[in-house]
Amino acid sequence: MRFSGRTVVITGAGSGIGLAAARRFASEGAHVVAVDIDDAAGEKTAAETGGIFVHADVTAEADVGAAFAAAFEAYGSVDVAFNNAGISPPDDDSILTTGLDAWRRVQDANLTSVYLCCKAALGYMRQQGKGAIVNTASFVAVMGSATSQVSYTASKGGVLALSRELGVQFAREGIRVNALCPGPVNTPLLQELFAADPERAARRLVHVPMGRFAEPEEIAAAAAFLASDDASFITGATFLVDGGISAAYVTPLGDLRVTAGETVVVRAKRL
């Protein structure tokens, strides 16, 4: 019960990592504020976790401000912000084919939203003299990929840099800010992407030393750790939960199977 009596605001709480995180924080005693643009999904999360739902477009400053205000009004504090909402649309691809509209849409959803949520959360946390912010970045923030999602990669690099800066700036005010960097996660978004392109899935999976994608619950566990007092001396960190991808030069030999979408068998090779 590490979060007993604490208020946790989670964006993108309706599905995937956000839903798993809502369940995890609630199981440890938190008041969950589920923020999502999908009313049905967000309300379902709130009902399941005994929290409240707030509809918000996280790219809109007024919506973000209202979401954090609702959390404070309901529970009297904003103790944790898990800024997790993001998108990875199919028209975000190579820089050679990605248009400016797609670039800007991804930057707004993935980076500007984190800026807005951090700014809103910090207002409450500074008054309290304590708080923890966990921003969802990605392993692609520290690596390059030939199967590019150029705006997504750039946006997550921005989240990483923003988290580092805020972690340093507000450390002496009792506020910790860290970037959680998942590897590929078995979420509906990934399943849809890889079911449409099994070859792309195979090219990615072959580089995961553990031979599988993460489950949302594994990322939620890492988010809960970073937000908890168990991580009281961790701030400005790049917290990788990627199955060893960023550590690997050569992956083990063996058959690997894609569990998201269509099953594809590939064999890792020494290159």
Protein backbone atom coordinates (compact mmCIF):
# COMPACT_ATOMS: atom_id res chain seq x y z
CA MET A 1 0.00 0.00 0.00
CA ARG A 2 2.75 2.45 -0.98
CA PHE A 3 0.22 4.99 -2.28
CA SER A 4 -2.37 4.87 0.48
CA GLY A 5 -4.09 8.27 0.63
CA ARG A 6 -2.15 9.63 -2.34
CA THR A 7 -3.65 11.04 -5.53
CA VAL A 8 -2.30 9.73 -8.82
CA VAL A 9 -3.21 11.41 -12.11
CA ILE A 10 -2.77 9.13 -15.13
CA THR A 11 -3.15 10.32 -18.72
CA GLY A 12 -4.07 7.81 -21.39
CA ALA A 13 -5.67 5.76 -18.61
CA GLY A 14 -8.28 4.11 -20.81
CA SER A 15 -6.10 1.37 -22.31
CA GLY A 16 -2.66 -0.19 -22.58
CA ILE A 17 0.00 1.01 -20.16
CA GLY A 18 -2.30 3.66 -18.68
CA LEU A 19 -4.99 1.13 -17.79
CA ALA A 20 -2.43 -1.27 -16.31
CA ALA A 21 -0.95 1.60 -14.29
CA ALA A 22 -4.36 2.64 -12.99
CA ARG A 23 -4.94 -0.90 -11.77
CA ARG A 24 -1.49 -1.10 -10.20
CA PHE A 25 -1.70 2.24 -8.37
CA ALA A 26 -5.23 1.47 -7.15
CA SER A 27 -4.08 -1.91 -5.85
CA GLU A 28 -1.54 -0.05 -3.74
CA GLY A 29 -4.09 2.30 -2.22
CA ALA A 30 -4.02 5.32 -4.54
CA HIS A 31 -6.86 7.63 -5.44
CA VAL A 32 -6.79 7.23 -9.22
CA VAL A 33 -7.70 10.10 -11.53
CA ALA A 34 -8.12 8.55 -14.97
CA VAL A 35 -7.61 11.08 -17.76
CA ASP A 36 -8.46 10.15 -21.32
CA ILE A 37 -10.06 11.54 -24.47
CA ASP A 38 -12.11 8.33 -24.84
CA ASP A 39 -15.03 8.74 -22.44
CA ALA A 40 -16.16 5.12 -22.46
CA ALA A 41 -12.67 3.73 -21.82
CA GLY A 42 -11.82 6.35 -19.21
CA GLU A 43 -15.06 5.88 -17.30
CA LYS A 44 -14.54 2.12 -17.29
CA THR A 45 -11.06 2.54 -15.81
CA ALA A 46 -12.35 4.89 -13.13
CA ALA A 47 -15.17 2.53 -12.20
CA GLU A 48 -12.81 -0.44 -11.98
CA THR A 49 -10.28 1.39 -9.81
CA GLY A 50 -12.71 3.29 -7.62
CA GLY A 51 -11.41 6.62 -8.86
CA ILE A 52 -12.74 9.44 -11.00
CA PHE A 53 -12.65 10.04 -14.73
CA VAL A 54 -11.80 13.36 -16.35
CA HIS A 55 -12.24 13.87 -20.07
CA ALA A 56 -9.31 15.81 -21.49
CA ASP A 57 -7.47 16.47 -24.70
CA VAL A 58 -3.94 16.54 -23.32
CA THR A 59 -2.78 18.83 -26.13
CA ALA A 60 -5.17 21.55 -24.89
CA GLU A 61 -3.86 23.64 -21.99
CA ALA A 62 -7.33 24.38 -20.60
CA ASP A 63 -8.25 20.66 -20.55
CA VAL A 64 -5.02 19.71 -18.80
CA GLY A 65 -5.47 22.44 -16.19
CA ALA A 66 -9.03 21.31 -15.57
CA ALA A 67 -7.95 17.68 -15.14
CA PHE A 68 -5.41 18.45 -12.43
CA ALA A 69 -7.81 20.88 -10.78
CA ALA A 70 -10.43 18.12 -10.67
CA ALA A 71 -7.93 15.78 -9.01
CA PHE A 72 -7.10 18.36 -6.35
CA GLU A 73 -10.73 19.23 -5.74
CA ALA A 74 -11.70 15.58 -5.38
CA TYR A 75 -8.88 14.42 -3.15
CA GLY A 76 -7.02 17.47 -1.83
CA SER A 77 -3.62 16.78 -3.35
CA VAL A 78 -1.72 15.89 -6.51
CA ASP A 79 0.96 13.48 -5.37
CA VAL A 80 1.86 11.61 -8.58
CA ALA A 81 1.50 12.49 -12.24
CA PHE A 82 2.01 9.65 -14.69
CA ASN A 83 2.09 11.49 -18.01
CA ASN A 84 1.59 8.57 -20.33
CA ALA A 85 -0.75 9.58 -23.18
CA GLY A 86 0.70 9.39 -26.67
CA ILE A 87 0.14 8.30 -30.25
CA SER A 88 2.02 6.47 -32.98
CA PRO A 89 0.01 6.87 -36.20
CA PRO A 90 0.84 5.02 -39.43
CA ASP A 91 1.55 8.25 -41.34
CA ASP A 92 4.52 8.89 -39.02
CA ASP A 93 7.21 6.95 -40.87
CA SER A 94 10.51 7.81 -42.54
CA ILE A 95 11.43 11.48 -42.72
CA LEU A 96 11.27 11.01 -46.50
CA THR A 97 7.53 10.31 -46.38
CA THR A 98 6.23 11.88 -43.17
CA GLY A 99 4.36 15.11 -43.82
CA LEU A 100 4.44 18.21 -41.66
CA ASP A 101 0.89 17.67 -40.42
CA ALA A 102 1.75 14.19 -39.12
CA TRP A 103 4.96 15.52 -37.57
CA ARG A 104 3.11 18.25 -35.68
CA ARG A 105 0.24 15.98 -34.58
CA VAL A 106 2.66 13.52 -32.98
CA GLN A 107 4.75 16.26 -31.37
CA ASP A 108 1.63 17.79 -29.84
CA ALA A 109 0.29 14.50 -28.51
CA ASN A 110 3.58 13.07 -27.25
CA LEU A 111 5.70 16.05 -26.19
CA THR A 112 3.57 19.17 -25.82
CA SER A 113 1.12 17.16 -23.71
CA VAL A 114 3.91 16.18 -21.31
CA TYR A 115 5.03 19.81 -21.06
CA LEU A 116 1.46 20.88 -20.24
CA CYS A 117 0.91 18.09 -17.71
CA CYS A 118 4.21 18.69 -15.95
CA LYS A 119 3.51 22.42 -15.73
CA ALA A 120 0.05 21.80 -14.26
CA ALA A 121 1.25 19.14 -11.81
CA LEU A 122 4.17 21.24 -10.61
CA GLY A 123 1.83 24.02 -9.50
CA TYR A 124 0.26 21.69 -6.93
CA MET A 125 3.40 19.81 -6.01
CA ARG A 126 5.38 22.96 -5.28
CA GLN A 127 2.68 24.11 -2.86
CA GLN A 128 2.83 20.71 -1.16
CA GLY A 129 6.62 20.62 -1.13
CA LYS A 130 6.64 17.12 -2.57
CA GLY A 131 5.55 15.03 -5.52
CA ALA A 132 6.64 12.57 -8.18
CA ILE A 133 6.27 12.88 -11.94
CA VAL A 134 6.82 9.94 -14.28
CA ASN A 135 6.84 10.73 -17.99
CA THR A 136 6.54 7.97 -20.58
CA ALA A 137 9.39 8.29 -23.07
CA SER A 138 10.69 5.25 -24.98
CA PHE A 139 13.78 3.19 -25.64
CA VAL A 140 13.88 4.87 -29.08
CA ALA A 141 14.86 8.07 -27.25
CA VAL A 142 18.32 6.56 -26.73
CA MET A 143 18.69 4.57 -29.97
CA GLY A 144 18.28 4.93 -33.69
CA SER A 145 16.12 2.68 -35.86
CA ALA A 146 16.07 1.94 -39.56
CA THR A 147 12.33 1.17 -39.24
CA SER A 148 11.69 4.81 -38.49
CA GLN A 149 8.82 6.64 -36.86
CA VAL A 150 10.61 9.94 -37.10
CA SER A 151 8.27 12.23 -35.20
CA TYR A 152 7.58 9.63 -32.52
CA THR A 153 11.30 9.11 -31.97
CA ALA A 154 11.99 12.83 -31.84
CA SER A 155 9.07 13.45 -29.48
CA LYS A 156 10.26 10.78 -27.06
CA GLY A 157 13.77 12.24 -27.14
CA GLY A 158 12.16 15.53 -26.15
CA VAL A 159 10.31 13.87 -23.26
CA LEU A 160 13.59 12.41 -22.06
CA ALA A 161 15.39 15.77 -22.12
CA LEU A 162 12.44 17.58 -20.53
CA SER A 163 12.25 15.04 -17.71
CA ARG A 164 15.97 15.31 -17.03
CA GLU A 165 15.82 19.10 -16.85
CA LEU A 166 12.78 19.20 -14.57
CA GLY A 167 14.27 16.50 -12.35
CA VAL A 168 17.28 18.69 -11.73
CA GLN A 169 15.41 21.99 -11.47
CA PHE A 170 12.91 20.91 -8.82
CA ALA A 171 14.94 18.34 -6.86
CA ARG A 172 15.45 20.64 -3.86
CA GLU A 173 11.74 21.33 -3.67
CA GLY A 174 11.03 17.68 -2.93
CA ILE A 175 9.77 16.90 -6.43
CA ARG A 176 11.21 14.04 -8.46
CA VAL A 177 10.83 13.79 -12.23
CA ASN A 178 11.88 10.70 -14.17
CA ALA A 179 11.51 9.35 -17.70
CA LEU A 180 10.23 5.81 -18.09
CA CYS A 181 11.53 4.29 -21.32
CA PRO A 182 9.66 1.12 -22.31
CA GLY A 183 10.63 -1.20 -25.08
CA PRO A 184 7.87 -2.47 -27.42
CA VAL A 185 4.79 -3.29 -25.34
CA ASN A 186 2.00 -5.73 -26.14
CA THR A 187 -0.77 -3.14 -26.28
CA PRO A 188 -3.69 -2.71 -28.70
CA LEU A 189 -1.69 -0.02 -30.51
CA LEU A 190 1.24 -2.36 -31.14
CA GLN A 191 -1.02 -5.27 -32.04
CA GLU A 192 -2.77 -3.19 -34.69
CA LEU A 193 0.52 -1.94 -36.12
CA PHE A 194 2.19 -5.34 -36.32
CA ALA A 195 -0.85 -7.29 -37.48
CA ALA A 196 -0.84 -5.03 -40.53
CA ASP A 197 2.90 -5.50 -41.07
CA PRO A 198 4.24 -8.82 -39.66
CA GLU A 199 7.61 -8.31 -41.34
CA ARG A 200 8.08 -5.08 -39.44
CA ALA A 201 7.23 -6.90 -36.22
CA ALA A 202 9.79 -9.58 -36.97
CA ARG A 203 12.50 -7.02 -37.69
CA ARG A 204 11.88 -5.44 -34.30
CA LEU A 205 11.45 -8.57 -32.21
CA VAL A 206 14.72 -10.09 -33.39
CA HIS A 207 16.58 -7.36 -31.46
CA VAL A 208 14.96 -8.10 -28.09
CA PRO A 209 17.32 -10.31 -26.04
CA MET A 210 14.42 -11.59 -23.93
CA GLY A 211 12.67 -12.76 -27.10
CA ARG A 212 9.30 -11.13 -26.49
CA PHE A 213 7.54 -7.80 -26.10
CA ALA A 214 6.74 -6.38 -22.68
CA GLU A 215 3.32 -6.70 -21.08
CA PRO A 216 1.60 -3.49 -19.93
CA GLU A 217 1.67 -4.70 -16.33
CA GLU A 218 5.47 -4.83 -16.40
CA ILE A 219 5.68 -1.19 -17.44
CA ALA A 220 3.05 -0.25 -14.84
CA ALA A 221 5.19 -1.89 -12.16
CA ALA A 222 8.15 0.26 -13.18
CA ALA A 223 6.00 3.40 -13.14
CA ALA A 224 4.78 2.56 -9.64
CA PHE A 225 8.36 2.05 -8.46
CA LEU A 226 9.52 5.40 -9.84
CA ALA A 227 6.54 7.18 -8.27
CA SER A 228 6.98 5.51 -4.88
CA ASP A 229 9.16 6.33 -1.90
CA ASP A 230 11.25 3.29 -2.83
CA ALA A 231 12.73 5.56 -5.53
CA SER A 232 13.25 8.51 -3.17
CA PHE A 233 16.83 9.18 -4.39
CA ILE A 234 16.05 8.82 -8.10
CA THR A 235 15.39 11.91 -10.19
CA GLY A 236 16.29 13.03 -13.69
CA ALA A 237 16.77 9.37 -14.59
CA THR A 238 16.42 7.52 -17.88
CA PHE A 239 14.71 4.37 -16.63
CA LEU A 240 14.89 1.72 -19.34
CA VAL A 241 12.47 -1.22 -19.25
CA ASP A 242 13.22 -2.67 -22.66
CA GLY A 243 14.06 -6.36 -22.31
CA GLY A 244 17.73 -5.58 -22.91
CA ILE A 245 17.35 -3.95 -26.35
CA SER A 246 19.46 -0.91 -25.58
CA ALA A 247 22.19 -3.06 -24.03
CA ALA A 248 22.52 -5.54 -26.91
CA TYR A 249 24.93 -5.62 -29.80
CA VAL A 250 24.26 -9.27 -30.67
CA THR A 251 21.12 -11.07 -29.54
CA PRO A 252 20.99 -14.81 -28.69
CA LEU A 253 20.38 -17.38 -31.39
CA GLY A 254 16.99 -19.03 -31.35
CA ASP A 255 13.47 -18.96 -32.72
CA LEU A 256 11.42 -15.97 -31.66
CA ARG A 257 7.70 -15.50 -32.03
CA VAL A 258 5.68 -12.33 -32.37
CA THR A 259 2.85 -12.51 -29.85
CA ALA A 260 1.17 -9.30 -30.98
CA GLY A 261 -0.84 -9.80 -34.15
CA GLU A 262 0.09 -12.51 -36.65
CA THR A 263 2.68 -15.06 -35.54
CA VAL A 264 5.97 -14.77 -37.35
CA VAL A 265 8.99 -17.01 -36.84
CA VAL A 266 12.40 -15.46 -37.27
CA ARG A 267 15.92 -16.55 -36.44
CA ALA A 268 18.36 -14.18 -34.82
CA LYS A 269 21.70 -14.05 -36.60
CA ARG A 270 25.15 -12.94 -35.61
CA LEU A 271 25.91 -9.91 -37.73
